[in-house]
Protein backbone atom coordinates (compact mmCIF):
# COMPACT_ATOMS: atom_id res chain seq x y z
CA UNK A 1 37.07 51.91 82.35
CA UNK A 2 38.27 48.53 81.89
CA UNK A 3 36.69 45.50 80.56
CA UNK A 4 36.09 43.69 83.30
CA UNK A 5 34.37 46.44 84.70
CA UNK A 6 32.52 46.99 82.00
CA UNK A 7 30.89 43.29 81.52
CA UNK A 8 30.67 43.49 85.23
CA UNK A 9 28.42 46.81 84.96
CA UNK A 10 27.19 46.29 81.39
CA UNK A 11 23.72 47.49 82.14
CA UNK A 12 24.32 50.12 84.58
CA UNK A 13 26.98 51.84 82.13
CA UNK A 14 24.53 51.41 79.20
CA UNK A 15 21.71 53.55 81.43
CA UNK A 16 24.33 55.93 82.20
CA UNK A 17 24.87 56.85 78.70
CA UNK A 18 21.84 57.11 77.56
CA UNK A 19 20.87 59.62 81.05
CA UNK A 20 24.01 61.45 80.51
CA UNK A 21 24.63 61.29 76.65
CA UNK A 22 28.19 61.36 77.36
CA UNK A 23 30.23 58.12 75.68
CA UNK A 24 32.32 55.79 77.60
CA UNK A 25 35.34 53.94 76.37
CA UNK A 26 35.80 50.54 77.79
CA UNK A 27 40.13 49.23 77.57
CA UNK A 28 41.19 46.12 77.84
CA UNK A 29 44.90 45.90 79.47
CA UNK A 30 45.21 49.81 79.25
CA UNK A 31 44.34 50.15 75.05
CA UNK A 32 40.88 51.09 73.89
CA UNK A 33 38.75 48.41 72.48
CA UNK A 34 35.28 50.28 72.28
CA UNK A 35 33.46 53.14 73.59
CA UNK A 36 30.12 52.57 74.10
CA UNK A 37 27.87 55.42 72.37
CA UNK A 38 24.48 56.98 73.30
CA UNK A 39 22.89 56.47 69.84
CA UNK A 40 21.60 59.49 66.93
CA UNK A 41 18.05 61.16 68.07
CA UNK A 42 15.23 59.46 65.85
CA UNK A 43 14.74 61.57 62.21
CA UNK A 44 11.46 63.71 62.41
CA UNK A 45 9.68 64.92 59.25
CA UNK A 46 10.10 68.41 59.35
CA UNK A 47 6.14 69.01 58.25
CA UNK A 48 3.56 66.42 59.18
CA UNK A 49 1.77 66.64 56.01
CA UNK A 50 2.34 63.84 54.25
CA UNK A 51 4.82 61.99 56.65
CA UNK A 52 3.11 58.99 56.41
CA UNK A 53 3.21 58.89 52.58
CA UNK A 54 4.18 55.25 51.41
CA UNK A 55 3.51 53.73 54.81
CA UNK A 56 0.14 52.16 53.74
CA UNK A 57 -0.68 49.61 50.84
CA UNK A 58 -4.12 48.64 49.48
CA UNK A 59 -4.76 44.84 49.23
CA UNK A 60 -7.98 43.88 47.32
CA UNK A 61 -10.66 46.18 45.55
CA UNK A 62 -11.52 49.48 46.88
CA UNK A 63 -14.77 49.66 45.15
CA UNK A 64 -16.49 46.30 46.93
CA UNK A 65 -17.94 46.79 50.24
CA UNK A 66 -15.98 44.99 52.90
CA UNK A 67 -19.34 42.57 53.96
CA UNK A 68 -19.10 41.11 50.58
CA UNK A 69 -15.72 40.20 50.20
CA UNK A 70 -16.02 38.39 54.20
CA UNK A 71 -18.62 35.48 54.98
CA UNK A 72 -19.25 36.87 58.36
CA UNK A 73 -21.48 33.96 58.80
CA UNK A 74 -18.39 31.41 58.23
CA UNK A 75 -16.12 33.35 60.36
CA UNK A 76 -18.66 32.80 63.44
CA UNK A 77 -18.91 29.31 63.35
């Protein structure tokens, strides 16, 4: 596909690549300058158990009730 045609129909070409999975080669004066390819599928963990490990963070003291940390009356004002 020539670069001028790609420029005029860029969004449609990207949608076509996403839907079909077929790459498109963009050329300038007949010389290839770019290949538009679909993205790799996202990596999925093999097992859901433990898949969220390392994604949470504990902030503060987890043994103190939340009501003691926040002055709810001051928050309302």
